[in-house]
C-alpha atoms as a PDB file:
ATOM      1  CA  MET A   1      12.806 -31.287  10.903  1.00  0.00           C
ATOM      2  CA  GLY A   2      13.661 -34.980  11.204  1.00  0.00           C
ATOM      3  CA  ALA A   3      11.134 -37.790  11.031  1.00  0.00           C
ATOM      4  CA  ARG A   4      11.577 -38.776  14.670  1.00  0.00           C
ATOM      5  CA  ARG A   5      11.170 -35.230  15.966  1.00  0.00           C
ATOM      6  CA  THR A   6       8.018 -34.833  13.885  1.00  0.00           C
ATOM      7  CA  GLY A   7       6.800 -38.211  15.110  1.00  0.00           C
ATOM      8  CA  ARG A   8       7.363 -37.211  18.734  1.00  0.00           C
ATOM      9  CA  GLU A   9       5.470 -33.958  18.238  1.00  0.00           C
ATOM     10  CA  ARG A  10       2.471 -35.704  16.690  1.00  0.00           C
ATOM     11  CA  ALA A  11       2.580 -38.427  19.361  1.00  0.00           C
ATOM     12  CA  LEU A  12       2.509 -35.738  22.061  1.00  0.00           C
ATOM     13  CA  GLN A  13      -0.428 -34.030  20.376  1.00  0.00           C
ATOM     14  CA  ALA A  14      -2.263 -37.351  20.087  1.00  0.00           C
ATOM     15  CA  LEU A  15      -1.695 -38.261  23.755  1.00  0.00           C
ATOM     16  CA  TYR A  16      -2.924 -34.830  24.780  1.00  0.00           C
ATOM     17  CA  GLN A  17      -6.055 -35.255  22.657  1.00  0.00           C
ATOM     18  CA  MET A  18      -6.658 -38.712  24.104  1.00  0.00           C
ATOM     19  CA  GLU A  19      -6.693 -37.194  27.587  1.00  0.00           C
ATOM     20  CA  MET A  20      -9.176 -34.564  26.514  1.00  0.00           C
ATOM     21  CA  SER A  21     -11.553 -36.940  24.721  1.00  0.00           C
ATOM     22  CA  ALA A  22     -12.192 -40.620  24.232  1.00  0.00           C
ATOM     23  CA  LEU A  23     -10.273 -40.890  20.956  1.00  0.00           C
ATOM     24  CA  ARG A  24      -8.532 -44.116  20.040  1.00  0.00           C
ATOM     25  CA  PRO A  25      -4.763 -43.784  19.394  1.00  0.00           C
ATOM     26  CA  GLU A  26      -5.160 -44.072  15.617  1.00  0.00           C
ATOM     27  CA  ASP A  27      -7.895 -41.422  15.523  1.00  0.00           C
ATOM     28  CA  ALA A  28      -5.954 -39.046  17.769  1.00  0.00           C
ATOM     29  CA  LEU A  29      -2.893 -39.412  15.551  1.00  0.00           C
ATOM     30  CA  GLU A  30      -4.935 -38.815  12.421  1.00  0.00           C
ATOM     31  CA  THR A  31      -6.293 -35.617  13.966  1.00  0.00           C
ATOM     32  CA  ALA A  32      -2.746 -34.523  14.897  1.00  0.00           C
ATOM     33  CA  TRP A  33      -1.472 -35.152  11.362  1.00  0.00           C
ATOM     34  CA  ASN A  34      -4.427 -33.356   9.777  1.00  0.00           C
ATOM     35  CA  ALA A  35      -3.915 -30.300  11.996  1.00  0.00           C
ATOM     36  CA  GLU A  36      -0.548 -29.606  10.359  1.00  0.00           C
ATOM     37  CA  PRO A  37      -0.695 -28.114   6.859  1.00  0.00           C
ATOM     38  CA  GLU A  38       2.755 -29.425   5.938  1.00  0.00           C
ATOM     39  CA  GLY A  39       1.476 -31.690   3.201  1.00  0.00           C
ATOM     40  CA  PRO A  40       1.516 -35.476   3.330  1.00  0.00           C
ATOM     41  CA  PRO A  41       3.251 -36.842   6.426  1.00  0.00           C
ATOM     42  CA  ASP A  42       6.514 -38.737   6.186  1.00  0.00           C
ATOM     43  CA  PRO A  43       5.746 -42.483   6.492  1.00  0.00           C
ATOM     44  CA  GLU A  44       8.713 -42.950   8.855  1.00  0.00           C
ATOM     45  CA  ALA A  45       7.427 -40.173  11.125  1.00  0.00           C
ATOM     46  CA  GLN A  46       3.936 -41.685  11.070  1.00  0.00           C
ATOM     47  CA  ARG A  47       5.259 -45.127  11.963  1.00  0.00           C
ATOM     48  CA  PHE A  48       7.388 -43.746  14.810  1.00  0.00           C
ATOM     49  CA  ALA A  49       4.504 -41.666  16.199  1.00  0.00           C
ATOM     50  CA  LEU A  50       2.212 -44.697  16.181  1.00  0.00           C
ATOM     51  CA  GLU A  51       4.848 -46.824  17.946  1.00  0.00           C
ATOM     52  CA  LEU A  52       5.223 -44.173  20.634  1.00  0.00           C
ATOM     53  CA  VAL A  53       1.516 -43.691  21.234  1.00  0.00           C
ATOM     54  CA  GLN A  54       0.793 -47.415  21.281  1.00  0.00           C
ATOM     55  CA  GLY A  55       3.749 -47.995  23.613  1.00  0.00           C
ATOM     56  CA  VAL A  56       2.594 -45.335  26.054  1.00  0.00           C
ATOM     57  CA  VAL A  57      -0.953 -46.699  26.005  1.00  0.00           C
ATOM     58  CA  GLU A  58       0.237 -50.286  26.502  1.00  0.00           C
ATOM     59  CA  HIS A  59       2.621 -49.450  29.383  1.00  0.00           C
ATOM     60  CA  ARG A  60       0.814 -46.446  30.828  1.00  0.00           C
ATOM     61  CA  GLU A  61       0.281 -47.884  34.305  1.00  0.00           C
ATOM     62  CA  GLU A  62       3.986 -48.660  34.754  1.00  0.00           C
ATOM     63  CA  ILE A  63       5.031 -45.370  33.132  1.00  0.00           C
ATOM     64  CA  ASP A  64       2.752 -43.354  35.407  1.00  0.00           C
ATOM     65  CA  GLY A  65       4.034 -45.295  38.405  1.00  0.00           C
ATOM     66  CA  LEU A  66       7.631 -44.382  37.580  1.00  0.00           C
ATOM     67  CA  ILE A  67       6.719 -40.732  37.094  1.00  0.00           C
ATOM     68  CA  GLU A  68       4.871 -40.589  40.420  1.00  0.00           C
ATOM     69  CA  GLN A  69       7.643 -42.459  42.226  1.00  0.00           C
ATOM     70  CA  HIS A  70      10.224 -39.867  41.172  1.00  0.00           C
ATOM     71  CA  SER A  71       8.184 -36.673  41.219  1.00  0.00           C
ATOM     72  CA  HIS A  72       8.601 -35.135  44.624  1.00  0.00           C
ATOM     73  CA  ASN A  73       5.680 -32.974  45.734  1.00  0.00           C
ATOM     74  CA  TRP A  74       3.832 -33.475  42.424  1.00  0.00           C
ATOM     75  CA  ARG A  75       0.969 -35.889  41.884  1.00  0.00           C
ATOM     76  CA  LEU A  76       0.506 -36.949  38.283  1.00  0.00           C
ATOM     77  CA  ASP A  77      -3.000 -35.501  38.105  1.00  0.00           C
ATOM     78  CA  ARG A  78      -1.687 -32.089  39.222  1.00  0.00           C
ATOM     79  CA  MET A  79       0.942 -31.846  36.486  1.00  0.00           C
ATOM     80  CA  ALA A  80       0.207 -29.850  33.367  1.00  0.00           C
ATOM     81  CA  ARG A  81      -1.181 -32.134  30.657  1.00  0.00           C
ATOM     82  CA  VAL A  82       1.610 -31.294  28.245  1.00  0.00           C
ATOM     83  CA  ASP A  83       4.310 -31.972  30.840  1.00  0.00           C
ATOM     84  CA  ARG A  84       2.672 -35.226  31.896  1.00  0.00           C
ATOM     85  CA  ASN A  85       2.505 -36.486  28.305  1.00  0.00           C
ATOM     86  CA  VAL A  86       6.032 -35.363  27.440  1.00  0.00           C
ATOM     87  CA  LEU A  87       7.177 -37.361  30.456  1.00  0.00           C
ATOM     88  CA  ARG A  88       5.153 -40.390  29.375  1.00  0.00           C
ATOM     89  CA  LEU A  89       6.709 -40.352  25.911  1.00  0.00           C
ATOM     90  CA  ALA A  90      10.212 -40.014  27.297  1.00  0.00           C
ATOM     91  CA  VAL A  91       9.760 -42.712  29.948  1.00  0.00           C
ATOM     92  CA  PHE A  92       8.475 -45.078  27.275  1.00  0.00           C
ATOM     93  CA  GLU A  93      11.578 -44.387  25.189  1.00  0.00           C
ATOM     94  CA  LEU A  94      13.936 -44.778  28.155  1.00  0.00           C
ATOM     95  CA  LYS A  95      12.449 -48.055  29.306  1.00  0.00           C
ATOM     96  CA  TRP A  96      11.274 -49.797  26.138  1.00  0.00           C
ATOM     97  CA  ARG A  97      13.327 -48.302  23.301  1.00  0.00           C
ATOM     98  CA  PRO A  98      16.979 -49.110  24.068  1.00  0.00           C
ATOM     99  CA  ASP A  99      17.802 -48.316  20.427  1.00  0.00           C
ATOM    100  CA  ILE A 100      17.324 -44.613  21.232  1.00  0.00           C
ATOM    101  CA  PRO A 101      20.218 -43.112  23.210  1.00  0.00           C
ATOM    102  CA  LYS A 102      19.268 -41.750  26.629  1.00  0.00           C
ATOM    103  CA  LYS A 103      20.750 -38.353  25.807  1.00  0.00           C
ATOM    104  CA  VAL A 104      18.603 -38.067  22.680  1.00  0.00           C
ATOM    105  CA  THR A 105      15.445 -38.959  24.606  1.00  0.00           C
ATOM    106  CA  LEU A 106      16.211 -36.409  27.329  1.00  0.00           C
ATOM    107  CA  ASN A 107      17.082 -33.638  24.866  1.00  0.00           C
ATOM    108  CA  GLU A 108      13.987 -34.282  22.752  1.00  0.00           C
ATOM    109  CA  ALA A 109      11.736 -34.278  25.823  1.00  0.00           C
ATOM    110  CA  VAL A 110      13.168 -30.963  26.999  1.00  0.00           C
ATOM    111  CA  GLU A 111      12.612 -29.502  23.524  1.00  0.00           C
ATOM    112  CA  LEU A 112       9.013 -30.749  23.455  1.00  0.00           C
ATOM    113  CA  GLY A 113       8.438 -29.183  26.859  1.00  0.00           C
ATOM    114  CA  ARG A 114       9.925 -25.920  25.646  1.00  0.00           C
ATOM    115  CA  ALA A 115       7.893 -25.916  22.417  1.00  0.00           C
ATOM    116  CA  PHE A 116       4.510 -27.028  23.752  1.00  0.00           C
ATOM    117  CA  GLY A 117       4.553 -26.376  27.492  1.00  0.00           C
ATOM    118  CA  THR A 118       4.959 -23.429  29.796  1.00  0.00           C
ATOM    119  CA  GLU A 119       8.085 -21.464  30.584  1.00  0.00           C
ATOM    120  CA  ALA A 120       8.898 -23.873  33.413  1.00  0.00           C
ATOM    121  CA  SER A 121       8.134 -27.089  31.508  1.00  0.00           C
ATOM    122  CA  SER A 122      11.576 -27.791  30.119  1.00  0.00           C
ATOM    123  CA  ALA A 123      13.274 -27.498  33.522  1.00  0.00           C
ATOM    124  CA  PHE A 124      10.576 -29.587  35.212  1.00  0.00           C
ATOM    125  CA  VAL A 125      10.783 -32.304  32.547  1.00  0.00           C
ATOM    126  CA  ASN A 126      14.582 -32.311  32.600  1.00  0.00           C
ATOM    127  CA  GLY A 127      14.870 -32.647  36.380  1.00  0.00           C
ATOM    128  CA  LEU A 128      12.308 -35.403  36.675  1.00  0.00           C
ATOM    129  CA  LEU A 129      13.598 -37.362  33.678  1.00  0.00           C
ATOM    130  CA  ASP A 130      17.155 -37.300  35.036  1.00  0.00           C
ATOM    131  CA  ARG A 131      15.962 -39.146  38.145  1.00  0.00           C
ATOM    132  CA  ILE A 132      13.855 -41.603  36.165  1.00  0.00           C
ATOM    133  CA  ALA A 133      16.673 -42.292  33.687  1.00  0.00           C
ATOM    134  CA  LEU A 134      19.054 -43.184  36.528  1.00  0.00           C
ATOM    135  CA  ASP A 135      16.490 -45.582  37.956  1.00  0.00           C
ATOM    136  CA  VAL A 136      15.850 -47.214  34.577  1.00  0.00           C
ATOM    137  CA  GLU A 137      19.613 -47.656  34.024  1.00  0.00           C
ATOM    138  CA  GLN A 138      20.033 -49.281  37.435  1.00  0.00           C
ATOM    139  CA  GLN A 139      17.218 -51.724  36.707  1.00  0.00           C
ATOM    140  CA  ARG A 140      18.955 -53.021  33.563  1.00  0.00           C
END
């Protein structure tokens, strides 16, 4: 598995943990890394995960606003925690990481939803992110 995919997975786990407890981003990431018995983490994956988590935390109000603006019939607090945090990661990438191609961000988010969410997560994430991605592109 590539460093960025691993970083996204650990970032998702950290964001989820932060919602469940009052952990700081660094502590939540450390817990996510320690939960995986894969040996020492790749420094590139660690760096990427930290950038993602810090970016989501820093821009969370705007990210959540975009998600709510484009999610028809779904309030943010009613979404599954995994779905909500997959969306946050992807919106951060779409809006603040222009070095990552939109298609990569969308595909990775769908895969995270499939791997960590429910049966319906990947379709939900895909549909909502398509609308958000169009909006982000139009704002540039």
